[in-house]
Amino acid sequence: MNLFKNALAATGLAAAIVAPAAADPIVLDFEGIGNQAAINNFYNGGTDSLGNSGVNYGVQFGSNSLALQEQDPAANFSNEPSPNTIMFFLTGSSVLNYAPGFDTGFSFFFTTVGFAGSVNVYDGLNATGNLLGSINLAALGAGPDPANVFSNWGIGSLTFAGTAKSIDFGGTVNQVGYDNITFGSATPSVSAIPEPSTYVMLALGLAGLGCVSRRRQTP
């Protein structure tokens, strides 16, 4: 069973553009990247392979790093922490470069059913230099969504000594998905999207304010 049922490789060119380091945690949730697009320089002042651009964090991805959207009929995942796009790869591994470097912490969400994965952090670009740390990702098994077996999500996190400049997201191709990659924290961030119950409470609160306002206007 594959994360992407009908594997089609996307390609794109990757260039390195250095941006200033940010003090606050950086969260890459992959929203806004085109479906099946190579992420490339979407987070580096450029675009993905389909021409979409995002926030310039100075983060560049190798051309193996692809985005996949849940609504794609070929997608086989759900319950992702920030709907509806994740990162995966169909060949080699997915390499992330961050030239300014980071040293506080690093974390992400991942899904994999029957195959283990691994993530390695290096102090050089393009997965070179000294290995600063590794995260082994255990298979999580099929998730609760019968239509999408990649619906269990775990957390990978790492602290290390030194300054990291690249990350190699590995494992069996088409078997590991990643989301909400977070620099600067050992706990991955989740986008602040209100749950349906939150919307209900908000609506009730606004209705209550309207009643109070009407009572105050009554002679």
N, C-alpha and C. Protein backbone atom coordinates (compact mmCIF):
# COMPACT_ATOMS: atom_id res chain seq x y z
N MET A 1 0.86 -1.19 0.00
CA MET A 1 0.00 0.00 0.00
C MET A 1 0.89 1.23 0.00
N ASN A 2 0.66 2.13 -0.93
CA ASN A 2 1.48 3.32 -1.08
C ASN A 2 0.75 4.55 -0.55
N LEU A 3 1.54 5.53 -0.13
CA LEU A 3 1.00 6.82 0.26
C LEU A 3 0.34 7.49 -0.94
N PHE A 4 0.93 7.29 -2.10
CA PHE A 4 0.43 7.85 -3.35
C PHE A 4 0.10 6.67 -4.24
N LYS A 5 -1.16 6.44 -4.53
CA LYS A 5 -1.61 5.21 -5.18
C LYS A 5 -1.08 5.06 -6.59
N ASN A 6 -1.01 6.16 -7.34
CA ASN A 6 -0.50 6.12 -8.71
C ASN A 6 0.73 7.02 -8.78
N ALA A 7 1.89 6.44 -8.54
CA ALA A 7 3.11 7.23 -8.39
C ALA A 7 3.49 7.92 -9.70
N LEU A 8 3.52 9.26 -9.64
CA LEU A 8 3.97 10.08 -10.76
C LEU A 8 4.99 11.05 -10.23
N ALA A 9 6.23 10.97 -10.71
CA ALA A 9 7.28 11.82 -10.17
C ALA A 9 7.18 13.22 -10.74
N ALA A 10 7.29 14.22 -9.84
CA ALA A 10 7.37 15.61 -10.27
C ALA A 10 8.83 16.02 -10.25
N THR A 11 9.22 16.91 -11.14
CA THR A 11 10.60 17.35 -11.21
C THR A 11 10.66 18.85 -11.17
N GLY A 12 11.84 19.36 -10.80
CA GLY A 12 12.01 20.80 -10.76
C GLY A 12 13.44 21.13 -10.44
N LEU A 13 13.84 22.36 -10.72
CA LEU A 13 15.18 22.80 -10.43
C LEU A 13 15.22 23.41 -9.05
N ALA A 14 16.35 23.25 -8.33
CA ALA A 14 16.49 23.79 -6.99
C ALA A 14 17.69 24.72 -6.96
N ALA A 15 17.51 25.91 -6.37
CA ALA A 15 18.59 26.87 -6.23
C ALA A 15 18.67 27.30 -4.80
N ALA A 16 19.86 27.70 -4.36
CA ALA A 16 20.06 28.10 -2.97
C ALA A 16 20.04 29.62 -2.87
N ILE A 17 19.09 30.14 -2.08
CA ILE A 17 19.01 31.58 -1.81
C ILE A 17 19.00 31.74 -0.31
N VAL A 18 19.96 32.45 0.24
CA VAL A 18 20.12 32.56 1.68
C VAL A 18 19.29 33.71 2.20
N ALA A 19 18.52 33.47 3.27
CA ALA A 19 17.72 34.50 3.92
C ALA A 19 18.16 34.62 5.36
N PRO A 20 17.89 35.76 6.03
CA PRO A 20 18.29 35.93 7.42
C PRO A 20 17.62 34.90 8.32
N ALA A 21 18.33 34.50 9.36
CA ALA A 21 17.77 33.55 10.32
C ALA A 21 16.68 34.22 11.14
N ALA A 22 15.68 33.45 11.52
CA ALA A 22 14.58 33.98 12.31
C ALA A 22 14.67 33.46 13.73
N ALA A 23 14.34 34.31 14.70
CA ALA A 23 14.42 33.92 16.10
C ALA A 23 13.25 33.03 16.50
N ASP A 24 12.08 33.28 15.94
CA ASP A 24 10.90 32.50 16.27
C ASP A 24 10.94 31.16 15.53
N PRO A 25 10.25 30.14 16.07
CA PRO A 25 10.18 28.86 15.36
C PRO A 25 9.61 29.03 13.96
N ILE A 26 10.14 28.27 13.04
CA ILE A 26 9.66 28.25 11.67
C ILE A 26 8.87 26.96 11.48
N VAL A 27 7.66 27.08 10.94
CA VAL A 27 6.81 25.92 10.71
C VAL A 27 6.53 25.80 9.21
N LEU A 28 6.87 24.68 8.63
CA LEU A 28 6.60 24.40 7.23
C LEU A 28 5.44 23.43 7.15
N ASP A 29 4.25 23.95 6.79
CA ASP A 29 3.06 23.09 6.74
C ASP A 29 2.68 22.71 5.31
N PHE A 30 3.40 23.23 4.33
CA PHE A 30 3.27 22.87 2.92
C PHE A 30 1.96 23.31 2.28
N GLU A 31 1.17 24.10 3.00
CA GLU A 31 -0.06 24.62 2.41
C GLU A 31 0.27 25.67 1.35
N GLY A 32 -0.42 25.62 0.24
CA GLY A 32 -0.17 26.55 -0.85
C GLY A 32 0.73 25.99 -1.94
N ILE A 33 1.38 24.87 -1.68
CA ILE A 33 2.22 24.24 -2.69
C ILE A 33 1.32 23.41 -3.61
N GLY A 34 1.62 23.43 -4.90
CA GLY A 34 0.80 22.72 -5.87
C GLY A 34 0.82 21.22 -5.68
N ASN A 35 -0.28 20.58 -5.99
CA ASN A 35 -0.37 19.13 -5.87
C ASN A 35 0.61 18.43 -6.79
N GLN A 36 1.37 17.49 -6.24
CA GLN A 36 2.41 16.73 -6.94
C GLN A 36 3.56 17.62 -7.41
N ALA A 37 3.64 18.83 -6.90
CA ALA A 37 4.72 19.74 -7.30
C ALA A 37 5.99 19.46 -6.50
N ALA A 38 7.14 19.65 -7.14
CA ALA A 38 8.40 19.68 -6.40
C ALA A 38 8.43 20.97 -5.59
N ILE A 39 8.73 20.86 -4.29
CA ILE A 39 8.66 22.02 -3.40
C ILE A 39 9.70 23.06 -3.77
N ASN A 40 10.89 22.62 -4.11
CA ASN A 40 11.97 23.49 -4.57
C ASN A 40 12.16 24.72 -3.68
N ASN A 41 11.96 25.91 -4.22
CA ASN A 41 12.22 27.15 -3.50
C ASN A 41 10.95 27.87 -3.05
N PHE A 42 9.88 27.14 -2.83
CA PHE A 42 8.63 27.72 -2.34
C PHE A 42 8.86 28.50 -1.05
N TYR A 43 9.73 27.98 -0.16
CA TYR A 43 10.04 28.65 1.11
C TYR A 43 11.38 29.38 1.06
N ASN A 44 11.84 29.71 -0.13
CA ASN A 44 13.17 30.30 -0.28
C ASN A 44 13.15 31.50 -1.21
N GLY A 45 12.03 32.20 -1.25
CA GLY A 45 11.93 33.38 -2.10
C GLY A 45 11.68 33.07 -3.56
N GLY A 46 11.47 31.80 -3.87
CA GLY A 46 11.18 31.40 -5.25
C GLY A 46 9.85 30.71 -5.34
N THR A 47 9.77 29.65 -6.13
CA THR A 47 8.51 28.96 -6.35
C THR A 47 8.69 27.45 -6.32
N ASP A 48 7.53 26.76 -6.25
CA ASP A 48 7.56 25.32 -6.48
C ASP A 48 7.61 25.07 -7.98
N SER A 49 7.58 23.81 -8.39
CA SER A 49 7.72 23.51 -9.81
C SER A 49 6.50 23.93 -10.64
N LEU A 50 5.41 24.32 -9.96
CA LEU A 50 4.22 24.79 -10.67
C LEU A 50 4.06 26.31 -10.60
N GLY A 51 5.05 26.99 -10.02
CA GLY A 51 5.02 28.45 -10.00
C GLY A 51 4.40 29.08 -8.77
N ASN A 52 4.04 28.30 -7.76
CA ASN A 52 3.47 28.86 -6.53
C ASN A 52 4.58 29.32 -5.59
N SER A 53 4.35 30.42 -4.88
CA SER A 53 5.36 30.95 -3.96
C SER A 53 4.79 31.05 -2.55
N GLY A 54 5.68 30.98 -1.55
CA GLY A 54 5.27 31.07 -0.15
C GLY A 54 6.15 32.05 0.59
N VAL A 55 6.18 31.93 1.92
CA VAL A 55 6.99 32.80 2.76
C VAL A 55 8.47 32.47 2.56
N ASN A 56 9.30 33.50 2.45
CA ASN A 56 10.74 33.28 2.28
C ASN A 56 11.40 33.05 3.64
N TYR A 57 11.57 31.79 4.01
CA TYR A 57 12.26 31.43 5.25
C TYR A 57 13.73 31.11 5.01
N GLY A 58 14.17 31.11 3.76
CA GLY A 58 15.52 30.68 3.47
C GLY A 58 15.68 29.18 3.47
N VAL A 59 14.57 28.46 3.26
CA VAL A 59 14.57 27.00 3.28
C VAL A 59 14.38 26.49 1.85
N GLN A 60 15.30 25.65 1.41
CA GLN A 60 15.26 25.12 0.05
C GLN A 60 15.19 23.60 0.09
N PHE A 61 14.38 23.02 -0.78
CA PHE A 61 14.22 21.57 -0.85
C PHE A 61 14.82 21.04 -2.15
N GLY A 62 15.39 19.84 -2.07
CA GLY A 62 15.85 19.16 -3.27
C GLY A 62 14.68 18.74 -4.13
N SER A 63 14.93 18.44 -5.39
CA SER A 63 13.86 18.19 -6.35
C SER A 63 13.11 16.89 -6.08
N ASN A 64 13.62 16.01 -5.21
CA ASN A 64 12.88 14.80 -4.85
C ASN A 64 11.72 15.09 -3.91
N SER A 65 11.75 16.25 -3.26
CA SER A 65 10.74 16.60 -2.25
C SER A 65 9.47 17.08 -2.93
N LEU A 66 8.38 16.34 -2.75
CA LEU A 66 7.13 16.63 -3.43
C LEU A 66 6.03 16.95 -2.44
N ALA A 67 5.03 17.68 -2.90
CA ALA A 67 3.83 17.96 -2.11
C ALA A 67 2.69 17.10 -2.63
N LEU A 68 1.83 16.66 -1.72
CA LEU A 68 0.67 15.87 -2.10
C LEU A 68 -0.54 16.39 -1.33
N GLN A 69 -1.62 16.65 -2.04
CA GLN A 69 -2.84 17.17 -1.42
C GLN A 69 -3.84 16.05 -1.19
N GLU A 70 -4.55 16.14 -0.07
CA GLU A 70 -5.46 15.07 0.33
C GLU A 70 -6.57 14.83 -0.68
N GLN A 71 -7.03 15.88 -1.34
CA GLN A 71 -8.15 15.71 -2.27
C GLN A 71 -7.75 15.05 -3.58
N ASP A 72 -6.46 14.85 -3.81
CA ASP A 72 -6.01 14.14 -5.00
C ASP A 72 -6.59 12.71 -4.96
N PRO A 73 -7.28 12.27 -6.00
CA PRO A 73 -7.85 10.92 -6.00
C PRO A 73 -6.81 9.83 -5.77
N ALA A 74 -5.54 10.13 -6.08
CA ALA A 74 -4.48 9.14 -5.90
C ALA A 74 -3.89 9.18 -4.50
N ALA A 75 -4.27 10.17 -3.69
CA ALA A 75 -3.71 10.27 -2.34
C ALA A 75 -4.30 9.17 -1.45
N ASN A 76 -3.52 8.77 -0.45
CA ASN A 76 -3.92 7.66 0.41
C ASN A 76 -3.67 8.02 1.88
N PHE A 77 -3.90 9.30 2.24
CA PHE A 77 -3.66 9.75 3.61
C PHE A 77 -4.80 10.65 4.07
N SER A 78 -4.89 10.82 5.40
CA SER A 78 -5.86 11.74 6.00
C SER A 78 -5.44 12.02 7.43
N ASN A 79 -6.20 12.86 8.13
CA ASN A 79 -5.94 13.23 9.53
C ASN A 79 -4.63 13.98 9.71
N GLU A 80 -4.11 14.58 8.64
CA GLU A 80 -2.86 15.33 8.76
C GLU A 80 -3.06 16.52 9.68
N PRO A 81 -1.99 16.96 10.40
CA PRO A 81 -2.15 18.01 11.41
C PRO A 81 -2.53 19.37 10.86
N SER A 82 -2.16 19.67 9.62
CA SER A 82 -2.57 20.95 9.01
C SER A 82 -3.06 20.66 7.60
N PRO A 83 -4.35 20.41 7.46
CA PRO A 83 -4.89 20.05 6.15
C PRO A 83 -4.64 21.16 5.13
N ASN A 84 -4.38 20.82 3.85
CA ASN A 84 -4.56 19.46 3.38
C ASN A 84 -3.38 18.95 2.57
N THR A 85 -2.17 19.44 2.83
CA THR A 85 -1.00 19.12 2.02
C THR A 85 0.13 18.60 2.89
N ILE A 86 0.81 17.56 2.41
CA ILE A 86 1.97 17.02 3.12
C ILE A 86 3.15 16.91 2.17
N MET A 87 4.32 16.55 2.72
CA MET A 87 5.51 16.30 1.92
C MET A 87 5.75 14.80 1.84
N PHE A 88 6.17 14.34 0.67
CA PHE A 88 6.60 12.96 0.51
C PHE A 88 7.60 12.91 -0.62
N PHE A 89 8.08 11.71 -0.97
CA PHE A 89 9.04 11.58 -2.05
C PHE A 89 8.84 10.24 -2.75
N LEU A 90 9.14 10.21 -4.05
CA LEU A 90 8.96 9.02 -4.87
C LEU A 90 10.27 8.43 -5.35
N THR A 91 11.37 9.09 -5.04
CA THR A 91 12.68 8.57 -5.41
C THR A 91 13.73 9.14 -4.46
N GLY A 92 14.75 8.35 -4.19
CA GLY A 92 15.84 8.80 -3.32
C GLY A 92 15.35 9.15 -1.93
N SER A 93 15.63 10.37 -1.50
CA SER A 93 15.16 10.89 -0.22
C SER A 93 14.87 12.37 -0.39
N SER A 94 14.30 12.97 0.63
CA SER A 94 13.93 14.38 0.58
C SER A 94 14.92 15.19 1.41
N VAL A 95 15.69 16.05 0.76
CA VAL A 95 16.71 16.83 1.45
C VAL A 95 16.27 18.28 1.58
N LEU A 96 16.38 18.81 2.77
CA LEU A 96 16.05 20.20 3.08
C LEU A 96 17.33 20.93 3.44
N ASN A 97 17.56 22.10 2.86
CA ASN A 97 18.71 22.95 3.19
C ASN A 97 18.24 24.23 3.87
N TYR A 98 18.92 24.58 4.96
CA TYR A 98 18.63 25.84 5.65
C TYR A 98 19.98 26.50 5.96
N ALA A 99 20.46 27.32 5.02
CA ALA A 99 21.80 27.88 5.11
C ALA A 99 22.06 28.69 6.38
N PRO A 100 21.08 29.48 6.91
CA PRO A 100 21.36 30.20 8.15
C PRO A 100 21.64 29.28 9.34
N GLY A 101 21.14 28.07 9.30
CA GLY A 101 21.36 27.11 10.37
C GLY A 101 20.39 27.27 11.52
N PHE A 102 20.19 26.18 12.28
CA PHE A 102 19.34 26.21 13.47
C PHE A 102 19.93 25.28 14.52
N ASP A 103 19.69 25.59 15.80
CA ASP A 103 20.32 24.80 16.85
C ASP A 103 19.44 24.62 18.09
N THR A 104 18.23 25.08 18.09
CA THR A 104 17.40 25.02 19.30
C THR A 104 16.68 23.69 19.43
N GLY A 105 16.09 23.23 18.35
CA GLY A 105 15.34 21.99 18.34
C GLY A 105 14.73 21.79 16.98
N PHE A 106 14.19 20.63 16.78
CA PHE A 106 13.68 20.27 15.47
C PHE A 106 12.62 19.19 15.66
N SER A 107 11.48 19.31 14.97
CA SER A 107 10.41 18.34 15.15
C SER A 107 9.49 18.34 13.94
N PHE A 108 8.62 17.34 13.88
CA PHE A 108 7.70 17.20 12.75
C PHE A 108 6.68 16.12 13.08
N PHE A 109 5.63 16.06 12.26
CA PHE A 109 4.68 14.94 12.28
C PHE A 109 5.01 14.03 11.10
N PHE A 110 4.73 12.74 11.26
CA PHE A 110 4.98 11.81 10.17
C PHE A 110 3.93 10.71 10.17
N THR A 111 3.76 10.08 9.01
CA THR A 111 2.90 8.91 8.89
C THR A 111 3.60 7.86 8.04
N THR A 112 3.56 6.62 8.49
CA THR A 112 4.09 5.49 7.73
C THR A 112 3.42 4.23 8.27
N VAL A 113 3.02 3.35 7.38
CA VAL A 113 2.22 2.20 7.81
C VAL A 113 3.08 0.98 8.12
N GLY A 114 3.71 0.40 7.11
CA GLY A 114 4.43 -0.84 7.33
C GLY A 114 5.93 -0.76 7.16
N PHE A 115 6.46 0.43 6.87
CA PHE A 115 7.88 0.58 6.64
C PHE A 115 8.46 1.64 7.56
N ALA A 116 9.63 1.36 8.11
CA ALA A 116 10.29 2.34 8.96
C ALA A 116 10.91 3.44 8.12
N GLY A 117 11.14 4.57 8.75
CA GLY A 117 11.79 5.70 8.10
C GLY A 117 12.93 6.22 8.95
N SER A 118 13.64 7.19 8.44
CA SER A 118 14.73 7.79 9.20
C SER A 118 14.93 9.22 8.77
N VAL A 119 15.40 10.05 9.70
CA VAL A 119 15.69 11.45 9.42
C VAL A 119 17.06 11.75 10.01
N ASN A 120 17.96 12.28 9.19
CA ASN A 120 19.32 12.60 9.63
C ASN A 120 19.57 14.09 9.48
N VAL A 121 20.24 14.66 10.48
CA VAL A 121 20.52 16.09 10.52
C VAL A 121 22.04 16.31 10.42
N TYR A 122 22.45 17.24 9.54
CA TYR A 122 23.87 17.47 9.25
C TYR A 122 24.22 18.94 9.46
N ASP A 123 25.51 19.19 9.70
CA ASP A 123 25.95 20.57 9.86
C ASP A 123 26.42 21.19 8.55
N GLY A 124 26.35 20.45 7.45
CA GLY A 124 26.66 20.97 6.13
C GLY A 124 25.43 20.92 5.24
N LEU A 125 25.47 21.65 4.15
CA LEU A 125 24.36 21.64 3.21
C LEU A 125 24.32 20.34 2.41
N ASN A 126 23.15 20.01 1.88
CA ASN A 126 22.98 18.85 1.02
C ASN A 126 23.36 17.54 1.69
N ALA A 127 23.02 17.43 2.99
CA ALA A 127 23.28 16.21 3.77
C ALA A 127 24.75 15.84 3.77
N THR A 128 25.60 16.85 3.99
CA THR A 128 27.04 16.63 4.07
C THR A 128 27.56 17.14 5.42
N GLY A 129 28.83 16.91 5.67
CA GLY A 129 29.44 17.36 6.91
C GLY A 129 29.22 16.36 8.03
N ASN A 130 29.20 16.85 9.26
CA ASN A 130 29.04 15.99 10.42
C ASN A 130 27.58 15.64 10.66
N LEU A 131 27.34 14.39 11.01
CA LEU A 131 26.00 13.96 11.39
C LEU A 131 25.75 14.41 12.82
N LEU A 132 24.76 15.28 13.01
CA LEU A 132 24.47 15.83 14.34
C LEU A 132 23.46 14.99 15.12
N GLY A 133 22.66 14.23 14.42
CA GLY A 133 21.67 13.41 15.11
C GLY A 133 20.77 12.70 14.12
N SER A 134 20.13 11.64 14.58
CA SER A 134 19.23 10.85 13.74
C SER A 134 17.93 10.56 14.49
N ILE A 135 16.86 10.45 13.75
CA ILE A 135 15.56 10.06 14.29
C ILE A 135 15.10 8.82 13.52
N ASN A 136 14.85 7.74 14.22
CA ASN A 136 14.31 6.54 13.59
C ASN A 136 12.79 6.54 13.74
N LEU A 137 12.10 6.38 12.63
CA LEU A 137 10.65 6.44 12.62
C LEU A 137 10.09 5.03 12.50
N ALA A 138 9.39 4.58 13.54
CA ALA A 138 8.80 3.26 13.53
C ALA A 138 7.52 3.25 12.70
N ALA A 139 7.22 2.11 12.09
CA ALA A 139 5.96 1.96 11.37
C ALA A 139 4.80 2.11 12.34
N LEU A 140 3.79 2.89 11.96
CA LEU A 140 2.67 3.18 12.85
C LEU A 140 1.48 2.26 12.63
N GLY A 141 1.48 1.52 11.53
CA GLY A 141 0.34 0.68 11.22
C GLY A 141 -0.78 1.47 10.55
N ALA A 142 -1.74 0.75 10.01
CA ALA A 142 -2.85 1.40 9.32
C ALA A 142 -3.65 2.24 10.30
N GLY A 143 -4.08 3.42 9.84
CA GLY A 143 -4.82 4.34 10.69
C GLY A 143 -6.30 4.03 10.74
N PRO A 144 -7.06 4.86 11.45
CA PRO A 144 -8.49 4.60 11.66
C PRO A 144 -9.38 4.87 10.46
N ASP A 145 -8.87 5.58 9.45
CA ASP A 145 -9.67 5.90 8.28
C ASP A 145 -9.61 4.72 7.31
N PRO A 146 -10.70 3.99 7.10
CA PRO A 146 -10.65 2.81 6.23
C PRO A 146 -10.35 3.15 4.78
N ALA A 147 -10.61 4.39 4.38
CA ALA A 147 -10.37 4.78 2.99
C ALA A 147 -8.93 5.24 2.77
N ASN A 148 -8.23 5.57 3.84
CA ASN A 148 -6.86 6.09 3.74
C ASN A 148 -6.03 5.51 4.88
N VAL A 149 -5.25 4.48 4.57
CA VAL A 149 -4.53 3.78 5.64
C VAL A 149 -3.46 4.65 6.29
N PHE A 150 -2.94 5.66 5.57
CA PHE A 150 -1.95 6.56 6.14
C PHE A 150 -2.67 7.65 6.93
N SER A 151 -3.35 7.26 7.99
CA SER A 151 -4.12 8.21 8.80
C SER A 151 -3.71 8.19 10.27
N ASN A 152 -2.66 7.43 10.60
CA ASN A 152 -2.01 7.54 11.90
C ASN A 152 -0.84 8.50 11.77
N TRP A 153 -0.68 9.40 12.75
CA TRP A 153 0.42 10.37 12.71
C TRP A 153 1.19 10.31 14.02
N GLY A 154 2.52 10.24 13.89
CA GLY A 154 3.39 10.27 15.05
C GLY A 154 4.23 11.53 15.05
N ILE A 155 5.03 11.71 16.08
CA ILE A 155 5.90 12.88 16.22
C ILE A 155 7.36 12.43 16.23
N GLY A 156 8.16 13.10 15.43
CA GLY A 156 9.60 12.93 15.48
C GLY A 156 10.23 14.21 16.00
N SER A 157 11.20 14.10 16.92
CA SER A 157 11.84 15.29 17.46
C SER A 157 13.28 14.98 17.82
N LEU A 158 14.09 16.03 17.86
CA LEU A 158 15.52 15.84 18.09
C LEU A 158 16.12 17.12 18.67
N THR A 159 16.97 16.99 19.65
CA THR A 159 17.84 18.07 20.11
C THR A 159 19.28 17.62 19.89
N PHE A 160 20.17 18.55 19.66
CA PHE A 160 21.54 18.19 19.31
C PHE A 160 22.47 19.34 19.62
N ALA A 161 23.76 19.05 19.66
CA ALA A 161 24.80 20.08 19.83
C ALA A 161 25.30 20.48 18.44
N GLY A 162 25.54 21.77 18.25
CA GLY A 162 26.02 22.25 16.97
C GLY A 162 24.94 23.00 16.21
N THR A 163 25.27 23.38 14.99
CA THR A 163 24.34 24.11 14.14
C THR A 163 24.01 23.29 12.91
N ALA A 164 22.75 22.97 12.72
CA ALA A 164 22.31 22.16 11.59
C ALA A 164 22.02 23.03 10.38
N LYS A 165 22.41 22.53 9.21
CA LYS A 165 22.14 23.26 7.97
C LYS A 165 21.40 22.43 6.94
N SER A 166 21.25 21.13 7.18
CA SER A 166 20.47 20.33 6.23
C SER A 166 19.87 19.13 6.94
N ILE A 167 18.78 18.64 6.38
CA ILE A 167 18.06 17.49 6.93
C ILE A 167 17.74 16.55 5.78
N ASP A 168 18.01 15.27 6.01
CA ASP A 168 17.73 14.24 5.03
C ASP A 168 16.56 13.40 5.52
N PHE A 169 15.38 13.59 4.91
CA PHE A 169 14.19 12.82 5.27
C PHE A 169 14.20 11.55 4.42
N GLY A 170 14.43 10.41 5.05
CA GLY A 170 14.58 9.18 4.30
C GLY A 170 13.53 8.14 4.64
N GLY A 171 13.77 6.93 4.13
CA GLY A 171 12.85 5.83 4.33
C GLY A 171 12.48 5.24 2.99
N THR A 172 11.56 4.30 2.99
CA THR A 172 11.11 3.68 1.76
C THR A 172 10.29 4.68 0.96
N VAL A 173 10.63 4.84 -0.32
CA VAL A 173 9.93 5.82 -1.15
C VAL A 173 8.44 5.50 -1.20
N ASN A 174 7.64 6.55 -1.23
CA ASN A 174 6.19 6.45 -1.31
C ASN A 174 5.56 5.77 -0.10
N GLN A 175 6.30 5.76 1.03
CA GLN A 175 5.80 5.08 2.22
C GLN A 175 5.85 5.96 3.47
N VAL A 176 6.39 7.18 3.37
CA VAL A 176 6.48 8.07 4.52
C VAL A 176 6.02 9.46 4.12
N GLY A 177 5.11 10.03 4.91
CA GLY A 177 4.66 11.39 4.69
C GLY A 177 5.04 12.26 5.87
N TYR A 178 5.34 13.54 5.62
CA TYR A 178 5.78 14.46 6.66
C TYR A 178 4.91 15.72 6.62
N ASP A 179 4.71 16.32 7.80
CA ASP A 179 3.95 17.57 7.87
C ASP A 179 4.42 18.41 9.05
N ASN A 180 4.19 19.71 8.97
CA ASN A 180 4.49 20.67 10.04
C ASN A 180 5.92 20.52 10.57
N ILE A 181 6.87 20.56 9.66
CA ILE A 181 8.29 20.56 10.05
C ILE A 181 8.57 21.85 10.80
N THR A 182 9.11 21.74 12.02
CA THR A 182 9.26 22.89 12.91
C THR A 182 10.71 23.05 13.34
N PHE A 183 11.30 24.20 13.03
CA PHE A 183 12.64 24.55 13.51
C PHE A 183 12.49 25.40 14.76
N GLY A 184 13.33 25.16 15.74
CA GLY A 184 13.31 25.99 16.94
C GLY A 184 12.48 25.43 18.06
N SER A 185 11.96 24.22 17.93
CA SER A 185 11.15 23.61 18.97
C SER A 185 11.19 22.09 18.83
N ALA A 186 11.28 21.39 19.95
CA ALA A 186 11.23 19.93 19.95
C ALA A 186 9.81 19.42 19.90
N THR A 187 8.84 20.32 19.87
CA THR A 187 7.42 19.95 19.74
C THR A 187 6.88 20.57 18.46
N PRO A 188 6.40 19.77 17.51
CA PRO A 188 5.91 20.35 16.26
C PRO A 188 4.67 21.19 16.48
N SER A 189 4.59 22.28 15.75
CA SER A 189 3.46 23.20 15.86
C SER A 189 2.31 22.74 14.98
N VAL A 190 1.10 23.05 15.41
CA VAL A 190 -0.10 22.76 14.64
C VAL A 190 -0.74 24.08 14.27
N SER A 191 -1.14 24.23 13.02
CA SER A 191 -1.78 25.47 12.59
C SER A 191 -3.02 25.72 13.42
N ALA A 192 -3.24 26.97 13.77
CA ALA A 192 -4.35 27.35 14.65
C ALA A 192 -5.64 27.43 13.84
N ILE A 193 -6.21 26.26 13.54
CA ILE A 193 -7.47 26.19 12.81
C ILE A 193 -8.55 25.78 13.79
N PRO A 194 -9.56 26.61 14.08
CA PRO A 194 -10.57 26.26 15.08
C PRO A 194 -11.30 24.98 14.72
N GLU A 195 -11.57 24.15 15.74
CA GLU A 195 -12.39 22.97 15.56
C GLU A 195 -13.84 23.39 15.35
N PRO A 196 -14.68 22.50 14.78
CA PRO A 196 -16.10 22.85 14.59
C PRO A 196 -16.76 23.30 15.88
N SER A 197 -16.42 22.68 17.02
CA SER A 197 -17.02 23.08 18.29
C SER A 197 -16.65 24.51 18.65
N THR A 198 -15.46 24.92 18.23
CA THR A 198 -15.03 26.30 18.49
C THR A 198 -15.90 27.27 17.72
N TYR A 199 -16.21 26.94 16.48
CA TYR A 199 -17.08 27.80 15.68
C TYR A 199 -18.46 27.91 16.32
N VAL A 200 -18.97 26.79 16.85
CA VAL A 200 -20.28 26.82 17.50
C VAL A 200 -20.26 27.73 18.71
N MET A 201 -19.22 27.61 19.55
CA MET A 201 -19.12 28.46 20.73
C MET A 201 -19.00 29.92 20.34
N LEU A 202 -18.24 30.18 19.27
CA LEU A 202 -18.08 31.56 18.81
C LEU A 202 -19.43 32.12 18.35
N ALA A 203 -20.18 31.32 17.60
CA ALA A 203 -21.48 31.77 17.12
C ALA A 203 -22.43 32.04 18.28
N LEU A 204 -22.43 31.15 19.30
CA LEU A 204 -23.29 31.35 20.46
C LEU A 204 -22.89 32.62 21.21
N GLY A 205 -21.57 32.85 21.30
CA GLY A 205 -21.10 34.05 21.99
C GLY A 205 -21.54 35.31 21.28
N LEU A 206 -21.43 35.31 19.95
CA LEU A 206 -21.85 36.48 19.19
C LEU A 206 -23.36 36.68 19.29
N ALA A 207 -24.11 35.57 19.31
CA ALA A 207 -25.56 35.70 19.46
C ALA A 207 -25.91 36.28 20.82
N GLY A 208 -25.18 35.87 21.85
CA GLY A 208 -25.41 36.40 23.19
C GLY A 208 -25.12 37.88 23.26
N LEU A 209 -24.04 38.31 22.60
CA LEU A 209 -23.72 39.73 22.59
C LEU A 209 -24.82 40.52 21.89
N GLY A 210 -25.41 39.93 20.83
CA GLY A 210 -26.49 40.62 20.13
C GLY A 210 -27.70 40.79 21.02
N CYS A 211 -28.02 39.76 21.83
CA CYS A 211 -29.17 39.86 22.74
C CYS A 211 -28.95 40.94 23.78
N VAL A 212 -27.72 40.98 24.34
CA VAL A 212 -27.40 42.01 25.33
C VAL A 212 -27.54 43.39 24.75
N SER A 213 -27.04 43.54 23.49
CA SER A 213 -27.12 44.85 22.85
C SER A 213 -28.57 45.28 22.64
N ARG A 214 -29.44 44.33 22.23
CA ARG A 214 -30.82 44.67 22.00
C ARG A 214 -31.53 45.06 23.32
N ARG A 215 -31.19 44.34 24.40
CA ARG A 215 -31.81 44.66 25.70
C ARG A 215 -31.42 46.05 26.15
N ARG A 216 -30.15 46.43 25.92
CA ARG A 216 -29.70 47.75 26.34
C ARG A 216 -30.38 48.85 25.55
N GLN A 217 -30.78 48.54 24.28
CA GLN A 217 -31.42 49.56 23.46
C GLN A 217 -32.91 49.66 23.73
N THR A 218 -33.49 48.68 24.45
CA THR A 218 -34.92 48.71 24.75
C THR A 218 -35.24 49.77 25.78
N PRO A 219 -36.20 50.66 25.54
CA PRO A 219 -36.52 51.75 26.50
C PRO A 219 -37.02 51.16 27.82
